[in-house]
Structures are given as C-alpha cells and as structure tokens.
C-alpha cells in the first residue's frame, strides 16, 4: 500500500510516516531524507525557545546539513 500523502501549509507533499525524532536521532543528519530534515527543522524552530544546549546543537547540525544540500 503506498504512503498517504498530505500537504502542509502549501509547502509540498509529505509522506505521513516520517519517523519520530527518537528514531532519527540514532542516525546522522547526513543519512536523513530531505523531508525528514525539513520536518525536524520546522519542529525544532518552533520549539527553539525551549531547547536545551544538546537540542540546539542538533538543530544546528540539521541547519548545516540543509545548507550543504541546498534546501
């Protein structure tokens, strides 16, 4: 059965089954898909005032990986 597609704020189509952060944190951001990077970047940006130092470091890694890929 194909993945269900949803649209978020006119930003494009996203598969519904994006792994949660706990699973993604076991991999390096270089191994994440573009959709995973975008979704986690958006979530962490929204939560940025509440992030701890380690979370902020992870968000910086995600941002650098997005810049490296040109997204």
PDB file of N, CA and C in Angstrom:
ATOM      1  N   UNK A   1       0.841  -1.175   0.000  1.00  0.00           N
ATOM      2  CA  UNK A   1       0.000   0.000   0.000  1.00  0.00           C
ATOM      3  C   UNK A   1       0.889   1.242   0.000  1.00  0.00           C
ATOM      4  N   UNK A   2       0.662   2.185  -0.931  1.00  0.00           N
ATOM      5  CA  UNK A   2       1.512   3.382  -0.998  1.00  0.00           C
ATOM      6  C   UNK A   2       1.307   4.281   0.213  1.00  0.00           C
ATOM      7  N   UNK A   3       2.338   5.096   0.482  1.00  0.00           N
ATOM      8  CA  UNK A   3       2.245   6.054   1.587  1.00  0.00           C
ATOM      9  C   UNK A   3       1.136   7.051   1.306  1.00  0.00           C
ATOM     10  N   UNK A   4       0.432   7.452   2.359  1.00  0.00           N
ATOM     11  CA  UNK A   4      -0.570   8.501   2.212  1.00  0.00           C
ATOM     12  C   UNK A   4       0.160   9.831   2.111  1.00  0.00           C
ATOM     13  N   UNK A   5      -0.315  10.700   1.256  1.00  0.00           N
ATOM     14  CA  UNK A   5       0.321  11.995   1.048  1.00  0.00           C
ATOM     15  C   UNK A   5      -0.557  13.078   1.667  1.00  0.00           C
ATOM     16  N   UNK A   6       0.071  13.977   2.414  1.00  0.00           N
ATOM     17  CA  UNK A   6      -0.653  15.121   2.975  1.00  0.00           C
ATOM     18  C   UNK A   6       0.083  16.387   2.577  1.00  0.00           C
ATOM     19  N   UNK A   7      -0.603  17.492   2.590  1.00  0.00           N
ATOM     20  CA  UNK A   7       0.023  18.780   2.295  1.00  0.00           C
ATOM     21  C   UNK A   7       0.047  19.608   3.570  1.00  0.00           C
ATOM     22  N   UNK A   8       1.181  20.260   3.809  1.00  0.00           N
ATOM     23  CA  UNK A   8       1.343  21.114   4.983  1.00  0.00           C
ATOM     24  C   UNK A   8       1.622  22.540   4.527  1.00  0.00           C
ATOM     25  N   UNK A   9       0.708  23.440   4.800  1.00  0.00           N
ATOM     26  CA  UNK A   9       0.913  24.867   4.540  1.00  0.00           C
ATOM     27  C   UNK A   9       1.431  25.155   3.135  1.00  0.00           C
ATOM     28  N   UNK A  10       0.927  24.455   2.152  1.00  0.00           N
ATOM     29  CA  UNK A  10       1.308  24.676   0.756  1.00  0.00           C
ATOM     30  C   UNK A  10       2.804  24.526   0.509  1.00  0.00           C
ATOM     31  N   UNK A  11       3.498  23.762   1.330  1.00  0.00           N
ATOM     32  CA  UNK A  11       4.939  23.579   1.168  1.00  0.00           C
ATOM     33  C   UNK A  11       5.271  22.342   0.334  1.00  0.00           C
ATOM     34  N   UNK A  12       4.301  21.605  -0.106  1.00  0.00           N
ATOM     35  CA  UNK A  12       4.561  20.413  -0.891  1.00  0.00           C
ATOM     36  C   UNK A  12       3.933  19.194  -0.269  1.00  0.00           C
ATOM     37  N   UNK A  13       4.212  18.072  -0.858  1.00  0.00           N
ATOM     38  CA  UNK A  13       3.618  16.833  -0.379  1.00  0.00           C
ATOM     39  C   UNK A  13       4.589  16.110   0.547  1.00  0.00           C
ATOM     40  N   UNK A  14       4.089  15.616   1.660  1.00  0.00           N
ATOM     41  CA  UNK A  14       4.904  14.929   2.649  1.00  0.00           C
ATOM     42  C   UNK A  14       4.284  13.573   2.939  1.00  0.00           C
ATOM     43  N   UNK A  15       5.089  12.524   2.999  1.00  0.00           N
ATOM     44  CA  UNK A  15       4.528  11.231   3.412  1.00  0.00           C
ATOM     45  C   UNK A  15       4.155  11.275   4.882  1.00  0.00           C
ATOM     46  N   UNK A  16       3.136  10.585   5.239  1.00  0.00           N
ATOM     47  CA  UNK A  16       2.632  10.580   6.604  1.00  0.00           C
ATOM     48  C   UNK A  16       3.558   9.858   7.576  1.00  0.00           C
ATOM     49  N   UNK A  17       4.356   8.940   7.118  1.00  0.00           N
ATOM     50  CA  UNK A  17       5.122   8.086   8.024  1.00  0.00           C
ATOM     51  C   UNK A  17       6.556   8.581   8.250  1.00  0.00           C
ATOM     52  N   UNK A  18       6.721   9.856   8.576  1.00  0.00           N
ATOM     53  CA  UNK A  18       8.043  10.380   8.919  1.00  0.00           C
ATOM     54  C   UNK A  18       8.406   9.839  10.294  1.00  0.00           C
ATOM     55  N   UNK A  19       9.592   9.227  10.428  1.00  0.00           N
ATOM     56  CA  UNK A  19       9.983   8.688  11.744  1.00  0.00           C
ATOM     57  C   UNK A  19      10.066   9.799  12.792  1.00  0.00           C
ATOM     58  N   UNK A  20       9.850   9.439  14.045  1.00  0.00           N
ATOM     59  CA  UNK A  20       9.934  10.436  15.099  1.00  0.00           C
ATOM     60  C   UNK A  20      11.393  10.762  15.411  1.00  0.00           C
ATOM     61  N   UNK A  21      11.577  11.823  16.183  1.00  0.00           N
ATOM     62  CA  UNK A  21      12.929  12.304  16.465  1.00  0.00           C
ATOM     63  C   UNK A  21      13.763  11.267  17.197  1.00  0.00           C
ATOM     64  N   UNK A  22      13.159  10.493  18.064  1.00  0.00           N
ATOM     65  CA  UNK A  22      13.908   9.487  18.817  1.00  0.00           C
ATOM     66  C   UNK A  22      14.575   8.495  17.866  1.00  0.00           C
ATOM     67  N   UNK A  23      13.865   8.062  16.841  1.00  0.00           N
ATOM     68  CA  UNK A  23      14.437   7.149  15.861  1.00  0.00           C
ATOM     69  C   UNK A  23      15.477   7.856  15.000  1.00  0.00           C
ATOM     70  N   UNK A  24      15.157   9.070  14.552  1.00  0.00           N
ATOM     71  CA  UNK A  24      16.092   9.807  13.701  1.00  0.00           C
ATOM     72  C   UNK A  24      17.379  10.164  14.434  1.00  0.00           C
ATOM     73  N   UNK A  25      17.295  10.371  15.731  1.00  0.00           N
ATOM     74  CA  UNK A  25      18.493  10.767  16.483  1.00  0.00           C
ATOM     75  C   UNK A  25      19.522   9.647  16.571  1.00  0.00           C
ATOM     76  N   UNK A  26      19.149   8.445  16.166  1.00  0.00           N
ATOM     77  CA  UNK A  26      20.113   7.345  16.136  1.00  0.00           C
ATOM     78  C   UNK A  26      20.944   7.367  14.855  1.00  0.00           C
ATOM     79  N   UNK A  27      20.573   8.255  13.914  1.00  0.00           N
ATOM     80  CA  UNK A  27      21.310   8.395  12.659  1.00  0.00           C
ATOM     81  C   UNK A  27      21.870   9.805  12.561  1.00  0.00           C
ATOM     82  N   UNK A  28      22.886   9.980  11.733  1.00  0.00           N
ATOM     83  CA  UNK A  28      23.434  11.310  11.479  1.00  0.00           C
ATOM     84  C   UNK A  28      22.504  12.054  10.521  1.00  0.00           C
ATOM     85  N   UNK A  29      22.421  13.388  10.635  1.00  0.00           N
ATOM     86  CA  UNK A  29      21.573  14.153   9.706  1.00  0.00           C
ATOM     87  C   UNK A  29      21.929  13.908   8.236  1.00  0.00           C
ATOM     88  N   UNK A  30      23.169  13.556   7.945  1.00  0.00           N
ATOM     89  CA  UNK A  30      23.583  13.265   6.568  1.00  0.00           C
ATOM     90  C   UNK A  30      22.830  12.068   5.998  1.00  0.00           C
ATOM     91  N   UNK A  31      22.311  11.204   6.885  1.00  0.00           N
ATOM     92  CA  UNK A  31      21.600   9.995   6.463  1.00  0.00           C
ATOM     93  C   UNK A  31      20.091  10.221   6.355  1.00  0.00           C
ATOM     94  N   UNK A  32      19.606  11.380   6.795  1.00  0.00           N
ATOM     95  CA  UNK A  32      18.176  11.656   6.772  1.00  0.00           C
ATOM     96  C   UNK A  32      17.740  12.047   5.374  1.00  0.00           C
ATOM     97  N   UNK A  33      16.462  11.810   5.075  1.00  0.00           N
ATOM     98  CA  UNK A  33      15.915  12.269   3.805  1.00  0.00           C
ATOM     99  C   UNK A  33      15.656  13.767   3.888  1.00  0.00           C
ATOM    100  N   UNK A  34      15.451  14.381   2.743  1.00  0.00           N
ATOM    101  CA  UNK A  34      15.166  15.811   2.699  1.00  0.00           C
ATOM    102  C   UNK A  34      13.898  16.131   3.493  1.00  0.00           C
ATOM    103  N   UNK A  35      12.898  15.289   3.358  1.00  0.00           N
ATOM    104  CA  UNK A  35      11.636  15.513   4.068  1.00  0.00           C
ATOM    105  C   UNK A  35      11.840  15.430   5.578  1.00  0.00           C
ATOM    106  N   UNK A  36      12.656  14.474   6.030  1.00  0.00           N
ATOM    107  CA  UNK A  36      12.936  14.357   7.461  1.00  0.00           C
ATOM    108  C   UNK A  36      13.647  15.601   7.970  1.00  0.00           C
ATOM    109  N   UNK A  37      14.629  16.086   7.203  1.00  0.00           N
ATOM    110  CA  UNK A  37      15.340  17.306   7.594  1.00  0.00           C
ATOM    111  C   UNK A  37      14.380  18.489   7.707  1.00  0.00           C
ATOM    112  N   UNK A  38      13.545  18.658   6.696  1.00  0.00           N
ATOM    113  CA  UNK A  38      12.615  19.786   6.689  1.00  0.00           C
ATOM    114  C   UNK A  38      11.635  19.721   7.855  1.00  0.00           C
ATOM    115  N   UNK A  39      11.099  18.544   8.104  1.00  0.00           N
ATOM    116  CA  UNK A  39      10.112  18.394   9.172  1.00  0.00           C
ATOM    117  C   UNK A  39      10.732  18.648  10.539  1.00  0.00           C
ATOM    118  N   UNK A  40      11.920  18.074  10.779  1.00  0.00           N
ATOM    119  CA  UNK A  40      12.570  18.268  12.084  1.00  0.00           C
ATOM    120  C   UNK A  40      13.066  19.696  12.256  1.00  0.00           C
ATOM    121  N   UNK A  41      13.532  20.319  11.177  1.00  0.00           N
ATOM    122  CA  UNK A  41      13.970  21.720  11.254  1.00  0.00           C
ATOM    123  C   UNK A  41      12.784  22.610  11.628  1.00  0.00           C
ATOM    124  N   UNK A  42      11.659  22.364  11.008  1.00  0.00           N
ATOM    125  CA  UNK A  42      10.471  23.164  11.306  1.00  0.00           C
ATOM    126  C   UNK A  42      10.037  22.979  12.760  1.00  0.00           C
ATOM    127  N   UNK A  43      10.005  21.748  13.211  1.00  0.00           N
ATOM    128  CA  UNK A  43       9.605  21.464  14.590  1.00  0.00           C
ATOM    129  C   UNK A  43      10.563  22.106  15.583  1.00  0.00           C
ATOM    130  N   UNK A  44      11.869  21.930  15.342  1.00  0.00           N
ATOM    131  CA  UNK A  44      12.852  22.478  16.280  1.00  0.00           C
ATOM    132  C   UNK A  44      12.864  24.008  16.251  1.00  0.00           C
ATOM    133  N   UNK A  45      12.586  24.586  15.090  1.00  0.00           N
ATOM    134  CA  UNK A  45      12.496  26.049  15.011  1.00  0.00           C
ATOM    135  C   UNK A  45      11.344  26.552  15.872  1.00  0.00           C
ATOM    136  N   UNK A  46      10.216  25.851  15.796  1.00  0.00           N
ATOM    137  CA  UNK A  46       9.053  26.239  16.606  1.00  0.00           C
ATOM    138  C   UNK A  46       9.350  26.111  18.099  1.00  0.00           C
ATOM    139  N   UNK A  47      10.143  25.130  18.466  1.00  0.00           N
ATOM    140  CA  UNK A  47      10.446  24.876  19.879  1.00  0.00           C
ATOM    141  C   UNK A  47      11.730  25.546  20.364  1.00  0.00           C
ATOM    142  N   UNK A  48      12.397  26.293  19.506  1.00  0.00           N
ATOM    143  CA  UNK A  48      13.721  26.830  19.833  1.00  0.00           C
ATOM    144  C   UNK A  48      13.816  27.566  21.168  1.00  0.00           C
ATOM    145  N   UNK A  49      12.803  28.317  21.592  1.00  0.00           N
ATOM    146  CA  UNK A  49      12.947  28.980  22.898  1.00  0.00           C
ATOM    147  C   UNK A  49      13.036  27.995  24.072  1.00  0.00           C
ATOM    148  N   UNK A  50      12.637  26.761  23.847  1.00  0.00           N
ATOM    149  CA  UNK A  50      12.573  25.781  24.927  1.00  0.00           C
ATOM    150  C   UNK A  50      13.639  24.690  24.824  1.00  0.00           C
ATOM    151  N   UNK A  51      14.510  24.757  23.808  1.00  0.00           N
ATOM    152  CA  UNK A  51      15.502  23.707  23.594  1.00  0.00           C
ATOM    153  C   UNK A  51      16.667  23.833  24.573  1.00  0.00           C
ATOM    154  N   UNK A  52      17.184  22.693  24.997  1.00  0.00           N
ATOM    155  CA  UNK A  52      18.389  22.650  25.822  1.00  0.00           C
ATOM    156  C   UNK A  52      19.610  22.738  24.914  1.00  0.00           C
ATOM    157  N   UNK A  53      20.770  22.843  25.502  1.00  0.00           N
ATOM    158  CA  UNK A  53      22.010  23.009  24.746  1.00  0.00           C
ATOM    159  C   UNK A  53      22.226  21.871  23.741  1.00  0.00           C
ATOM    160  N   UNK A  54      21.979  20.640  24.168  1.00  0.00           N
ATOM    161  CA  UNK A  54      22.178  19.489  23.280  1.00  0.00           C
ATOM    162  C   UNK A  54      21.192  19.537  22.099  1.00  0.00           C
ATOM    163  N   UNK A  55      19.954  19.934  22.372  1.00  0.00           N
ATOM    164  CA  UNK A  55      18.954  20.047  21.307  1.00  0.00           C
ATOM    165  C   UNK A  55      19.318  21.157  20.328  1.00  0.00           C
ATOM    166  N   UNK A  56      19.821  22.262  20.852  1.00  0.00           N
ATOM    167  CA  UNK A  56      20.244  23.375  20.000  1.00  0.00           C
ATOM    168  C   UNK A  56      21.395  22.939  19.104  1.00  0.00           C
ATOM    169  N   UNK A  57      22.314  22.147  19.632  1.00  0.00           N
ATOM    170  CA  UNK A  57      23.424  21.630  18.829  1.00  0.00           C
ATOM    171  C   UNK A  57      22.903  20.734  17.702  1.00  0.00           C
ATOM    172  N   UNK A  58      21.907  19.903  17.998  1.00  0.00           N
ATOM    173  CA  UNK A  58      21.311  19.045  16.976  1.00  0.00           C
ATOM    174  C   UNK A  58      20.614  19.889  15.911  1.00  0.00           C
ATOM    175  N   UNK A  59      19.920  20.925  16.334  1.00  0.00           N
ATOM    176  CA  UNK A  59      19.250  21.809  15.371  1.00  0.00           C
ATOM    177  C   UNK A  59      20.282  22.481  14.470  1.00  0.00           C
ATOM    178  N   UNK A  60      21.403  22.876  15.023  1.00  0.00           N
ATOM    179  CA  UNK A  60      22.484  23.468  14.218  1.00  0.00           C
ATOM    180  C   UNK A  60      23.022  22.469  13.199  1.00  0.00           C
ATOM    181  N   UNK A  61      23.154  21.197  13.582  1.00  0.00           N
ATOM    182  CA  UNK A  61      23.592  20.157  12.641  1.00  0.00           C
ATOM    183  C   UNK A  61      22.594  20.014  11.501  1.00  0.00           C
ATOM    184  N   UNK A  62      21.316  20.034  11.834  1.00  0.00           N
ATOM    185  CA  UNK A  62      20.274  19.918  10.815  1.00  0.00           C
ATOM    186  C   UNK A  62      20.357  21.100   9.851  1.00  0.00           C
ATOM    187  N   UNK A  63      20.514  22.304  10.398  1.00  0.00           N
ATOM    188  CA  UNK A  63      20.611  23.509   9.571  1.00  0.00           C
ATOM    189  C   UNK A  63      21.818  23.432   8.648  1.00  0.00           C
ATOM    190  N   UNK A  64      22.966  23.010   9.173  1.00  0.00           N
ATOM    191  CA  UNK A  64      24.170  22.884   8.345  1.00  0.00           C
ATOM    192  C   UNK A  64      23.978  21.855   7.232  1.00  0.00           C
ATOM    193  N   UNK A  65      23.326  20.744   7.545  1.00  0.00           N
ATOM    194  CA  UNK A  65      23.079  19.716   6.532  1.00  0.00           C
ATOM    195  C   UNK A  65      22.133  20.237   5.446  1.00  0.00           C
ATOM    196  N   UNK A  66      21.125  21.000   5.841  1.00  0.00           N
ATOM    197  CA  UNK A  66      20.217  21.583   4.858  1.00  0.00           C
ATOM    198  C   UNK A  66      20.974  22.559   3.956  1.00  0.00           C
ATOM    199  N   UNK A  67      21.848  23.356   4.534  1.00  0.00           N
ATOM    200  CA  UNK A  67      22.653  24.297   3.740  1.00  0.00           C
ATOM    201  C   UNK A  67      23.586  23.544   2.798  1.00  0.00           C
ATOM    202  N   UNK A  68      24.185  22.455   3.276  1.00  0.00           N
ATOM    203  CA  UNK A  68      25.089  21.657   2.447  1.00  0.00           C
ATOM    204  C   UNK A  68      24.353  21.090   1.234  1.00  0.00           C
ATOM    205  N   UNK A  69      23.098  20.670   1.446  1.00  0.00           N
ATOM    206  CA  UNK A  69      22.298  20.103   0.346  1.00  0.00           C
ATOM    207  C   UNK A  69      21.616  21.164  -0.493  1.00  0.00           C
ATOM    208  N   UNK A  70      21.625  22.389  -0.035  1.00  0.00           N
ATOM    209  CA  UNK A  70      20.978  23.469  -0.782  1.00  0.00           C
ATOM    210  C   UNK A  70      19.469  23.487  -0.669  1.00  0.00           C
ATOM    211  N   UNK A  71      18.963  23.073   0.517  1.00  0.00           N
ATOM    212  CA  UNK A  71      17.499  23.102   0.742  1.00  0.00           C
ATOM    213  C   UNK A  71      17.159  24.098   1.827  1.00  0.00           C
TER     214      UNK A  71
END
